[in-house]
C-alpha atoms as a PDB file:
ATOM      1  CA  ILE A   1       0.028  -0.304   0.202  1.00  0.00           C
ATOM      2  CA  ILE A   2       1.717   3.416  -1.094  1.00  0.00           C
ATOM      3  CA  ASP A   3      -0.473   6.470   0.357  1.00  0.00           C
ATOM      4  CA  ASN A   4      -0.124  10.089  -0.658  1.00  0.00           C
ATOM      5  CA  LEU A   5       1.552   8.833  -3.879  1.00  0.00           C
ATOM      6  CA  GLU A   6       1.384  12.906  -4.869  1.00  0.00           C
ATOM      7  CA  THR A   7       3.667  14.179  -1.958  1.00  0.00           C
ATOM      8  CA  LEU A   8       7.237  12.560  -4.104  1.00  0.00           C
ATOM      9  CA  ASN A   9       8.698  14.817  -6.878  1.00  0.00           C
ATOM     10  CA  GLY A  10       8.303  13.787  -9.925  1.00  0.00           C
ATOM     11  CA  GLU A  11      11.236  11.534 -10.378  1.00  0.00           C
ATOM     12  CA  GLU A  12      10.493   9.448  -7.214  1.00  0.00           C
ATOM     13  CA  ARG A  13       6.902   9.262  -7.882  1.00  0.00           C
ATOM     14  CA  ALA A  14       8.233   7.946 -11.842  1.00  0.00           C
ATOM     15  CA  LYS A  15      10.123   5.447 -10.036  1.00  0.00           C
ATOM     16  CA  ILE A  16       7.975   3.652  -7.819  1.00  0.00           C
ATOM     17  CA  ILE A  17       5.621   3.466 -10.997  1.00  0.00           C
ATOM     18  CA  ASP A  18       8.137   1.728 -13.148  1.00  0.00           C
ATOM     19  CA  TYR A  19       8.697  -0.500 -10.258  1.00  0.00           C
ATOM     20  CA  ILE A  20       5.434  -1.200  -9.876  1.00  0.00           C
ATOM     21  CA  ASN A  21       4.974  -1.866 -13.634  1.00  0.00           C
ATOM     22  CA  TYR A  22       8.313  -3.981 -14.756  1.00  0.00           C
ATOM     23  CA  GLU A  23       9.902  -5.833 -11.774  1.00  0.00           C
ATOM     24  CA  LEU A  24       6.958  -6.402  -8.918  1.00  0.00           C
ATOM     25  CA  PRO A  25       5.829  -9.644  -9.415  1.00  0.00           C
ATOM     26  CA  SER A  26       2.387  -9.827 -11.232  1.00  0.00           C
ATOM     27  CA  SER A  27       0.692 -11.634  -8.289  1.00  0.00           C
ATOM     28  CA  ILE A  28       1.411  -8.653  -5.663  1.00  0.00           C
ATOM     29  CA  GLN A  29      -2.039  -6.335  -6.026  1.00  0.00           C
ATOM     30  CA  VAL A  30      -0.705  -2.837  -5.183  1.00  0.00           C
ATOM     31  CA  ILE A  31      -3.275   0.446  -3.369  1.00  0.00           C
ATOM     32  CA  ILE A  32      -2.139   3.729  -4.251  1.00  0.00           C
ATOM     33  CA  THR A  33      -3.798   6.399  -3.241  1.00  0.00           C
ATOM     34  CA  THR A  34      -2.841   9.783  -4.903  1.00  0.00           C
ATOM     35  CA  ARG A  35      -4.714  13.477  -5.977  1.00  0.00           C
ATOM     36  CA  ILE A  36      -2.186  13.237  -9.166  1.00  0.00           C
ATOM     37  CA  PRO A  37      -4.091  10.590 -11.535  1.00  0.00           C
ATOM     38  CA  GLU A  38      -2.014   8.121 -12.537  1.00  0.00           C
ATOM     39  CA  HIS A  39      -2.828   4.968 -14.702  1.00  0.00           C
ATOM     40  CA  ALA A  40      -4.206   2.089 -13.271  1.00  0.00           C
ATOM     41  CA  ASP A  41      -5.866  -1.456 -13.857  1.00  0.00           C
ATOM     42  CA  GLU A  42      -8.786   0.028 -11.699  1.00  0.00           C
ATOM     43  CA  THR A  43      -9.452   3.721 -10.217  1.00  0.00           C
ATOM     44  CA  ILE A  44     -11.915   4.710  -7.422  1.00  0.00           C
ATOM     45  CA  THR A  45     -12.858   7.885  -6.681  1.00  0.00           C
ATOM     46  CA  LEU A  46     -13.079   8.989  -3.522  1.00  0.00           C
ATOM     47  CA  ARG A  47     -14.856  12.219  -2.615  1.00  0.00           C
ATOM     48  CA  GLY A  48     -13.924  14.522  -0.049  1.00  0.00           C
ATOM     49  CA  PHE A  49     -15.944  15.186   3.012  1.00  0.00           C
ATOM     50  CA  GLN A  50     -19.974  16.094   3.224  1.00  0.00           C
ATOM     51  CA  SER A  51     -21.790  17.866   5.849  1.00  0.00           C
ATOM     52  CA  ASP A  52     -22.007  15.917   8.926  1.00  0.00           C
ATOM     53  CA  ALA A  53     -18.611  13.887   7.814  1.00  0.00           C
ATOM     54  CA  GLY A  54     -16.811  17.478   7.532  1.00  0.00           C
ATOM     55  CA  LEU A  55     -18.607  18.591  10.657  1.00  0.00           C
ATOM     56  CA  ASP A  56     -16.858  15.435  12.247  1.00  0.00           C
ATOM     57  CA  PHE A  57     -13.948  16.012  11.030  1.00  0.00           C
ATOM     58  CA  ILE A  58     -13.164  19.601  12.057  1.00  0.00           C
ATOM     59  CA  ASN A  59     -14.411  19.002  15.464  1.00  0.00           C
ATOM     60  CA  GLU A  60     -12.134  15.855  15.674  1.00  0.00           C
ATOM     61  CA  TYR A  61      -9.388  17.597  14.598  1.00  0.00           C
ATOM     62  CA  LEU A  62      -9.538  20.559  16.816  1.00  0.00           C
ATOM     63  CA  THR A  63     -10.156  18.597  19.718  1.00  0.00           C
ATOM     64  CA  LYS A  64      -7.045  16.074  18.893  1.00  0.00           C
ATOM     65  CA  ASN A  65      -4.574  18.926  18.560  1.00  0.00           C
ATOM     66  CA  GLN A  66      -6.119  20.920  21.440  1.00  0.00           C
ATOM     67  CA  ILE A  67      -6.975  23.982  18.968  1.00  0.00           C
ATOM     68  CA  SER A  68      -9.568  26.394  20.103  1.00  0.00           C
ATOM     69  CA  ILE A  69     -11.498  28.270  17.056  1.00  0.00           C
ATOM     70  CA  ASP A  70     -14.905  29.698  17.894  1.00  0.00           C
ATOM     71  CA  LEU A  71     -16.533  28.337  14.984  1.00  0.00           C
ATOM     72  CA  THR A  72     -20.506  27.668  14.737  1.00  0.00           C
ATOM     73  CA  ASP A  73     -21.415  24.428  12.969  1.00  0.00           C
ATOM     74  CA  GLU A  74     -23.144  26.261  10.215  1.00  0.00           C
ATOM     75  CA  GLN A  75     -19.387  27.709   9.705  1.00  0.00           C
ATOM     76  CA  LYS A  76     -17.585  24.330   9.783  1.00  0.00           C
ATOM     77  CA  ASN A  77     -20.513  23.226   7.280  1.00  0.00           C
ATOM     78  CA  GLU A  78     -19.737  26.341   5.201  1.00  0.00           C
ATOM     79  CA  LEU A  79     -15.827  25.726   5.437  1.00  0.00           C
ATOM     80  CA  THR A  80     -16.095  22.098   3.965  1.00  0.00           C
ATOM     81  CA  LYS A  81     -18.778  23.166   1.306  1.00  0.00           C
ATOM     82  CA  TYR A  82     -15.935  25.511   0.180  1.00  0.00           C
ATOM     83  CA  SER A  83     -13.047  23.504   0.556  1.00  0.00           C
ATOM     84  CA  TYR A  84     -14.776  20.941  -1.415  1.00  0.00           C
ATOM     85  CA  GLY A  85     -13.682  18.736   1.272  1.00  0.00           C
ATOM     86  CA  ASN A  86     -10.636  18.435   1.231  1.00  0.00           C
ATOM     87  CA  SER A  87      -8.855  17.377   4.192  1.00  0.00           C
ATOM     88  CA  VAL A  88      -5.597  19.171   3.523  1.00  0.00           C
ATOM     89  CA  VAL A  89      -7.447  22.474   2.588  1.00  0.00           C
ATOM     90  CA  LEU A  90      -9.235  21.621   6.065  1.00  0.00           C
ATOM     91  CA  VAL A  91      -6.440  21.240   8.049  1.00  0.00           C
ATOM     92  CA  LEU A  92      -4.445  24.653   6.087  1.00  0.00           C
ATOM     93  CA  ALA A  93      -7.449  26.732   7.062  1.00  0.00           C
ATOM     94  CA  LEU A  94      -7.772  25.831  10.413  1.00  0.00           C
ATOM     95  CA  LYS A  95      -4.474  26.178  11.296  1.00  0.00           C
ATOM     96  CA  ARG A  96      -4.195  29.594   9.756  1.00  0.00           C
ATOM     97  CA  MET A  97      -7.107  30.588  11.589  1.00  0.00           C
ATOM     98  CA  ALA A  98      -5.910  28.934  15.059  1.00  0.00           C
ATOM     99  CA  SER A  99      -2.655  31.321  14.524  1.00  0.00           C
ATOM    100  CA  LYS A 100      -4.573  34.291  13.731  1.00  0.00           C
ATOM    101  CA  LYS A 101      -2.063  34.531  10.187  1.00  0.00           C
ATOM    102  CA  SER A 102      -6.247  34.432   8.718  1.00  0.00           C
ATOM    103  CA  SER A 103      -9.481  34.880   9.896  1.00  0.00           C
ATOM    104  CA  TYR A 104     -12.758  32.519   9.059  1.00  0.00           C
ATOM    105  CA  ARG A 105     -14.578  35.068   6.858  1.00  0.00           C
ATOM    106  CA  ALA A 106     -11.058  35.849   4.740  1.00  0.00           C
ATOM    107  CA  ILE A 107     -10.204  32.472   3.875  1.00  0.00           C
ATOM    108  CA  ILE A 108     -13.783  31.496   2.640  1.00  0.00           C
ATOM    109  CA  ASN A 109     -13.533  34.663   0.634  1.00  0.00           C
ATOM    110  CA  GLU A 110     -10.253  32.951  -0.680  1.00  0.00           C
ATOM    111  CA  LEU A 111     -12.182  29.604  -1.294  1.00  0.00           C
ATOM    112  CA  LYS A 112     -15.310  31.501  -3.218  1.00  0.00           C
ATOM    113  CA  GLN A 113     -12.748  32.714  -5.715  1.00  0.00           C
ATOM    114  CA  LEU A 114     -11.862  29.479  -7.258  1.00  0.00           C
ATOM    115  CA  PRO A 115     -13.688  27.776 -10.206  1.00  0.00           C
ATOM    116  CA  LYS A 116     -16.841  25.723  -9.338  1.00  0.00           C
ATOM    117  CA  SER A 117     -15.325  22.872 -11.818  1.00  0.00           C
ATOM    118  CA  THR A 118     -11.734  23.142  -9.633  1.00  0.00           C
ATOM    119  CA  ASP A 119     -10.352  19.888  -8.735  1.00  0.00           C
ATOM    120  CA  ASP A 120      -8.128  18.418  -5.245  1.00  0.00           C
ATOM    121  CA  ASN A 121      -5.203  19.833  -6.829  1.00  0.00           C
ATOM    122  CA  SER A 122      -5.803  23.226  -8.085  1.00  0.00           C
ATOM    123  CA  ILE A 123      -7.638  23.923  -4.771  1.00  0.00           C
ATOM    124  CA  SER A 124      -4.739  22.549  -2.282  1.00  0.00           C
ATOM    125  CA  GLN A 125      -1.764  24.719  -4.344  1.00  0.00           C
ATOM    126  CA  PHE A 126      -4.079  27.690  -4.125  1.00  0.00           C
ATOM    127  CA  MET A 127      -4.564  26.701  -0.414  1.00  0.00           C
ATOM    128  CA  PHE A 128      -0.472  26.409  -0.042  1.00  0.00           C
ATOM    129  CA  GLN A 129      -0.107  29.481  -1.710  1.00  0.00           C
ATOM    130  CA  ASN A 130      -1.897  31.539   0.407  1.00  0.00           C
ATOM    131  CA  THR A 131      -0.409  29.484   3.694  1.00  0.00           C
ATOM    132  CA  ILE A 132       2.954  29.836   2.476  1.00  0.00           C
ATOM    133  CA  GLU A 133       2.368  33.889   1.370  1.00  0.00           C
ATOM    134  CA  GLU A 134       1.549  34.428   5.088  1.00  0.00           C
ATOM    135  CA  LEU A 135       4.440  32.307   6.275  1.00  0.00           C
ATOM    136  CA  TYR A 136       6.943  34.632   4.397  1.00  0.00           C
ATOM    137  CA  SER A 137       5.099  38.371   5.972  1.00  0.00           C
ATOM    138  CA  ILE A 138       5.443  36.952   9.027  1.00  0.00           C
ATOM    139  CA  TYR A 139       8.464  34.498   9.401  1.00  0.00           C
ATOM    140  CA  PRO A 140      10.048  35.671   5.995  1.00  0.00           C
ATOM    141  CA  GLN A 141      13.617  33.567   7.265  1.00  0.00           C
ATOM    142  CA  ILE A 142      12.005  30.766   6.515  1.00  0.00           C
ATOM    143  CA  SER A 143      12.328  32.194   2.473  1.00  0.00           C
ATOM    144  CA  GLU A 144      15.925  30.513   1.989  1.00  0.00           C
ATOM    145  CA  THR A 145      14.716  27.203   3.700  1.00  0.00           C
ATOM    146  CA  ILE A 146      11.584  26.534   1.328  1.00  0.00           C
ATOM    147  CA  LYS A 147      13.829  27.443  -1.949  1.00  0.00           C
ATOM    148  CA  CYS A 148      17.023  25.514  -1.167  1.00  0.00           C
ATOM    149  CA  LEU A 149      14.133  22.421  -0.109  1.00  0.00           C
ATOM    150  CA  SER A 150      12.699  22.931  -3.898  1.00  0.00           C
ATOM    151  CA  LEU A 151      16.289  22.475  -5.257  1.00  0.00           C
ATOM    152  CA  ARG A 152      16.951  19.077  -4.648  1.00  0.00           C
ATOM    153  CA  PRO A 153      14.832  15.594  -5.081  1.00  0.00           C
ATOM    154  CA  GLU A 154      15.583  14.023  -2.352  1.00  0.00           C
ATOM    155  CA  ALA A 155      14.661  14.588   1.271  1.00  0.00           C
ATOM    156  CA  LEU A 156      17.450  16.591   3.100  1.00  0.00           C
ATOM    157  CA  SER A 157      18.329  16.670   6.932  1.00  0.00           C
ATOM    158  CA  ALA A 158      18.322  20.010   8.612  1.00  0.00           C
ATOM    159  CA  ASP A 159      22.358  19.064   9.264  1.00  0.00           C
ATOM    160  CA  VAL A 160      22.787  19.366   5.552  1.00  0.00           C
ATOM    161  CA  LEU A 161      20.350  22.464   5.272  1.00  0.00           C
ATOM    162  CA  ALA A 162      22.302  24.184   8.353  1.00  0.00           C
ATOM    163  CA  LEU A 163      25.770  23.596   6.220  1.00  0.00           C
ATOM    164  CA  ALA A 164      24.037  25.170   2.741  1.00  0.00           C
ATOM    165  CA  HIS A 165      22.812  28.008   4.862  1.00  0.00           C
ATOM    166  CA  LYS A 166      26.439  28.848   6.163  1.00  0.00           C
ATOM    167  CA  ASP A 167      25.425  31.466   8.353  1.00  0.00           C
ATOM    168  CA  SER A 168      22.353  29.685  10.106  1.00  0.00           C
ATOM    169  CA  SER A 169      22.688  27.033  13.414  1.00  0.00           C
ATOM    170  CA  ILE A 170      21.361  23.668  12.909  1.00  0.00           C
ATOM    171  CA  ASP A 171      18.673  24.771  16.002  1.00  0.00           C
ATOM    172  CA  GLU A 172      17.278  27.604  13.678  1.00  0.00           C
ATOM    173  CA  ILE A 173      17.224  25.580  11.037  1.00  0.00           C
ATOM    174  CA  ASP A 174      15.377  22.848  12.593  1.00  0.00           C
ATOM    175  CA  HIS A 175      12.849  25.374  14.293  1.00  0.00           C
ATOM    176  CA  ILE A 176      12.114  26.470  11.044  1.00  0.00           C
ATOM    177  CA  LEU A 177      11.358  23.053   9.371  1.00  0.00           C
ATOM    178  CA  GLN A 178       9.497  22.162  12.256  1.00  0.00           C
ATOM    179  CA  LEU A 179       7.056  25.160  11.243  1.00  0.00           C
ATOM    180  CA  LEU A 180       6.786  24.020   7.895  1.00  0.00           C
ATOM    181  CA  THR A 181       5.929  20.166   8.717  1.00  0.00           C
ATOM    182  CA  GLN A 182       2.937  22.151  10.681  1.00  0.00           C
ATOM    183  CA  TYR A 183       1.242  23.977   7.904  1.00  0.00           C
ATOM    184  CA  LEU A 184       2.387  21.143   5.658  1.00  0.00           C
ATOM    185  CA  VAL A 185       4.382  22.591   3.404  1.00  0.00           C
ATOM    186  CA  VAL A 186       7.063  20.211   4.015  1.00  0.00           C
ATOM    187  CA  GLU A 187       6.927  16.809   5.061  1.00  0.00           C
ATOM    188  CA  LYS A 188       9.292  14.648   8.097  1.00  0.00           C
ATOM    189  CA  ALA A 189      10.076  11.393   7.102  1.00  0.00           C
ATOM    190  CA  GLY A 190      13.041  10.074   9.906  1.00  0.00           C
ATOM    191  CA  ASP A 191      15.371  12.932  10.224  1.00  0.00           C
ATOM    192  CA  SER A 192      14.873  13.949   6.713  1.00  0.00           C
ATOM    193  CA  TYR A 193      12.644  16.724   5.233  1.00  0.00           C
ATOM    194  CA  SER A 194      10.981  17.295   1.625  1.00  0.00           C
ATOM    195  CA  ILE A 195       9.054  19.842   0.188  1.00  0.00           C
ATOM    196  CA  ASN A 196       5.524  19.084  -0.897  1.00  0.00           C
ATOM    197  CA  GLU A 197       4.613  18.389  -4.027  1.00  0.00           C
ATOM    198  CA  PHE A 198       1.404  21.180  -4.230  1.00  0.00           C
ATOM    199  CA  ALA A 199       3.729  23.278  -2.548  1.00  0.00           C
ATOM    200  CA  ASN A 200       6.714  23.003  -4.577  1.00  0.00           C
ATOM    201  CA  HIS A 201       4.571  24.014  -7.698  1.00  0.00           C
ATOM    202  CA  PHE A 202       3.315  27.271  -6.244  1.00  0.00           C
ATOM    203  CA  ILE A 203       7.418  27.808  -5.340  1.00  0.00           C
ATOM    204  CA  MET A 204       8.610  26.732  -8.533  1.00  0.00           C
ATOM    205  CA  THR A 205       6.408  29.050 -10.489  1.00  0.00           C
ATOM    206  CA  SER A 206       6.123  32.222  -8.177  1.00  0.00           C
ATOM    207  CA  LEU A 207       8.949  32.306  -5.973  1.00  0.00           C
ATOM    208  CA  ALA A 208      11.677  30.786  -8.419  1.00  0.00           C
ATOM    209  CA  LEU A 209      15.414  31.761  -7.915  1.00  0.00           C
ATOM    210  CA  SER A 210      17.486  33.810 -10.096  1.00  0.00           C
ATOM    211  CA  SER A 211      19.902  31.794 -12.211  1.00  0.00           C
ATOM    212  CA  ALA A 212      22.978  33.489 -10.040  1.00  0.00           C
ATOM    213  CA  ALA A 213      20.950  32.364  -6.830  1.00  0.00           C
ATOM    214  CA  LYS A 214      19.790  28.891  -8.220  1.00  0.00           C
ATOM    215  CA  ALA A 215      23.739  28.674  -8.814  1.00  0.00           C
ATOM    216  CA  LYS A 216      25.240  29.078  -5.477  1.00  0.00           C
ATOM    217  CA  TRP A 217      22.375  27.149  -3.615  1.00  0.00           C
ATOM    218  CA  GLU A 218      22.734  24.315  -5.537  1.00  0.00           C
ATOM    219  CA  SER A 219      26.455  24.575  -5.218  1.00  0.00           C
ATOM    220  CA  ASN A 220      25.800  24.777  -1.309  1.00  0.00           C
ATOM    221  CA  LEU A 221      24.023  21.544  -1.222  1.00  0.00           C
ATOM    222  CA  LEU A 222      26.259  19.862  -2.882  1.00  0.00           C
ATOM    223  CA  LEU A 223      28.997  20.960  -0.816  1.00  0.00           C
ATOM    224  CA  SER A 224      26.771  19.992   2.300  1.00  0.00           C
ATOM    225  CA  LEU A 225      25.488  16.430   1.139  1.00  0.00           C
ATOM    226  CA  ILE A 226      29.359  15.722  -0.100  1.00  0.00           C
ATOM    227  CA  HIS A 227      30.686  16.763   3.732  1.00  0.00           C
ATOM    228  CA  ILE A 228      28.027  15.103   5.713  1.00  0.00           C
END
């Protein structure tokens, strides 16, 4: 079972698909969940949360994470409706409200701007765009870390990133990575971090580094990986 295949970068995703198609014995069945369509023998579309299910998800998430947000059931249902029941979008919205970075009404107005024919990919990218922009405005120091992560296909440790930043300590980088993990911008596996595919799409298209800056960071990262 492979969960959330879309969170891997394109190269790693292709390796997994090739392994399944050409190396895995045909007697073994594979179940994959992904928001990015892939060719499969059988495809099952899973709908997002609807009405009561969305309300239950929001209440359970707030309780388990000890988050206090003053929302009526009507507002929670409206949030479910305009998020298309997308759990990632719901979590991002709740985190933004809990941190006071955005209000309920502001988020609803953002979601209402999306076309009615939107899909999970576009709505996730839209929410990551607004989340990252708000994080930038309050924590400008995360900018270089996010761009640095977007340059490598593999997950990177805090040690590697601290060496690449040169004038930042491991503690400083680790704090930034924890913050980005909380907002689902990066994902942690063991001691390493990789950027979310949807978040990376926004970064690569809207926050691209100049050629000189890209070359500098790639060189720093390469030297850091060799050193580690």
